[in-house]
């Protein structure tokens, strides 16, 4: 019985330290995944902003030449741009 208690007292701190270390590694990996997800979202947002800025400049130039832009032109071109650049997008017409 004495041997079992001594073994228990020796192994308990070792096992507790290993479990705390393992939980620390799990939390670190979770934080890394969250950071990666945030970076991906930020990059996607910046890409959409760049497309919108480009389209604004293009439509402004077109307006300056023609003095009009039809509503249908804007909408159809806009959706085509977003469908091409959306991650994992599927063709809406299919």
Protein backbone atom coordinates (compact mmCIF):
# COMPACT_ATOMS: atom_id res chain seq x y z
CA UNK A 1 0.00 0.00 0.00
CA UNK A 2 2.85 2.36 0.84
CA UNK A 3 4.44 1.72 -2.55
CA UNK A 4 1.21 2.63 -4.34
CA UNK A 5 0.91 5.92 -2.44
CA UNK A 6 4.52 6.85 -3.21
CA UNK A 7 3.99 6.05 -6.88
CA UNK A 8 0.83 8.13 -6.87
CA UNK A 9 2.59 11.09 -5.26
CA UNK A 10 5.44 10.89 -7.77
CA UNK A 11 3.30 10.46 -10.92
CA UNK A 12 0.56 12.96 -10.07
CA UNK A 13 2.66 16.12 -10.66
CA UNK A 14 4.11 14.67 -13.86
CA UNK A 15 0.68 13.81 -15.29
CA UNK A 16 -0.81 17.15 -14.21
CA UNK A 17 2.06 19.05 -15.88
CA UNK A 18 1.63 17.05 -19.09
CA UNK A 19 -2.12 17.75 -19.16
CA UNK A 20 -1.62 21.48 -18.61
CA UNK A 21 0.99 21.54 -21.39
CA UNK A 22 -1.33 19.67 -23.73
CA UNK A 23 -4.18 22.12 -23.06
CA UNK A 24 -1.77 25.00 -23.72
CA UNK A 25 -0.82 23.54 -27.10
CA UNK A 26 -4.50 23.08 -28.01
CA UNK A 27 -5.28 26.70 -27.13
CA UNK A 28 -2.29 27.94 -29.13
CA UNK A 29 -3.39 25.97 -32.21
CA UNK A 30 -6.94 27.29 -31.87
CA UNK A 31 -5.67 30.86 -31.68
CA UNK A 32 -3.55 30.27 -34.80
CA UNK A 33 -6.59 28.98 -36.71
CA UNK A 34 -8.62 32.01 -35.64
CA UNK A 35 -5.81 34.33 -36.77
CA UNK A 36 -5.59 32.57 -40.14
CA UNK A 37 -9.35 32.90 -40.59
CA UNK A 38 -9.21 36.61 -39.77
CA UNK A 39 -6.35 37.15 -42.24
CA UNK A 40 -8.27 35.34 -44.97
CA UNK A 41 -11.38 37.43 -44.26
CA UNK A 42 -9.32 40.63 -44.34
CA UNK A 43 -7.71 39.67 -47.66
CA UNK A 44 -11.10 38.85 -49.15
CA UNK A 45 -12.50 42.16 -47.94
CA UNK A 46 -9.56 44.07 -49.42
CA UNK A 47 -10.02 42.27 -52.74
CA UNK A 48 -13.70 43.21 -52.89
CA UNK A 49 -12.84 46.82 -52.05
CA UNK A 50 -10.29 46.85 -54.88
CA UNK A 51 -12.90 45.51 -57.33
CA UNK A 52 -15.43 48.11 -56.22
CA UNK A 53 -12.86 50.90 -56.55
CA UNK A 54 -11.98 49.70 -60.07
CA UNK A 55 -15.64 49.52 -61.06
CA UNK A 56 -16.31 53.00 -59.70
CA UNK A 57 -13.45 54.40 -61.78
CA UNK A 58 -14.59 52.48 -64.86
CA UNK A 59 -18.21 53.59 -64.57
CA UNK A 60 -17.14 57.15 -63.96
CA UNK A 61 -15.10 57.08 -67.17
CA UNK A 62 -17.97 55.50 -69.06
CA UNK A 63 -20.37 58.12 -67.73
CA UNK A 64 -18.04 60.92 -68.75
CA UNK A 65 -18.00 59.55 -72.32
CA UNK A 66 -21.67 58.53 -72.76
CA UNK A 67 -23.27 60.74 -70.13
CA UNK A 68 -25.37 57.76 -69.00
CA UNK A 69 -25.07 54.23 -67.66
CA UNK A 70 -27.97 51.81 -67.72
CA UNK A 71 -28.97 50.11 -64.49
CA UNK A 72 -28.84 46.67 -66.11
CA UNK A 73 -25.22 47.17 -67.20
CA UNK A 74 -24.11 47.96 -63.67
CA UNK A 75 -25.89 45.05 -62.04
CA UNK A 76 -24.91 42.35 -64.54
CA UNK A 77 -21.26 43.39 -64.59
CA UNK A 78 -21.14 43.66 -60.83
CA UNK A 79 -22.49 40.14 -60.26
CA UNK A 80 -20.12 38.68 -62.82
CA UNK A 81 -17.16 40.26 -61.03
CA UNK A 82 -18.29 39.01 -57.63
CA UNK A 83 -19.05 35.50 -58.86
CA UNK A 84 -15.57 35.18 -60.36
CA UNK A 85 -13.81 36.39 -57.22
CA UNK A 86 -15.89 34.70 -54.54
CA UNK A 87 -14.11 31.74 -52.93
CA UNK A 88 -15.88 28.48 -53.71
CA UNK A 89 -18.51 30.16 -55.83
CA UNK A 90 -20.83 28.18 -58.01
CA UNK A 91 -22.29 29.33 -61.25
CA UNK A 92 -25.68 30.93 -60.57
CA UNK A 93 -26.96 30.16 -64.04
CA UNK A 94 -26.44 26.40 -63.69
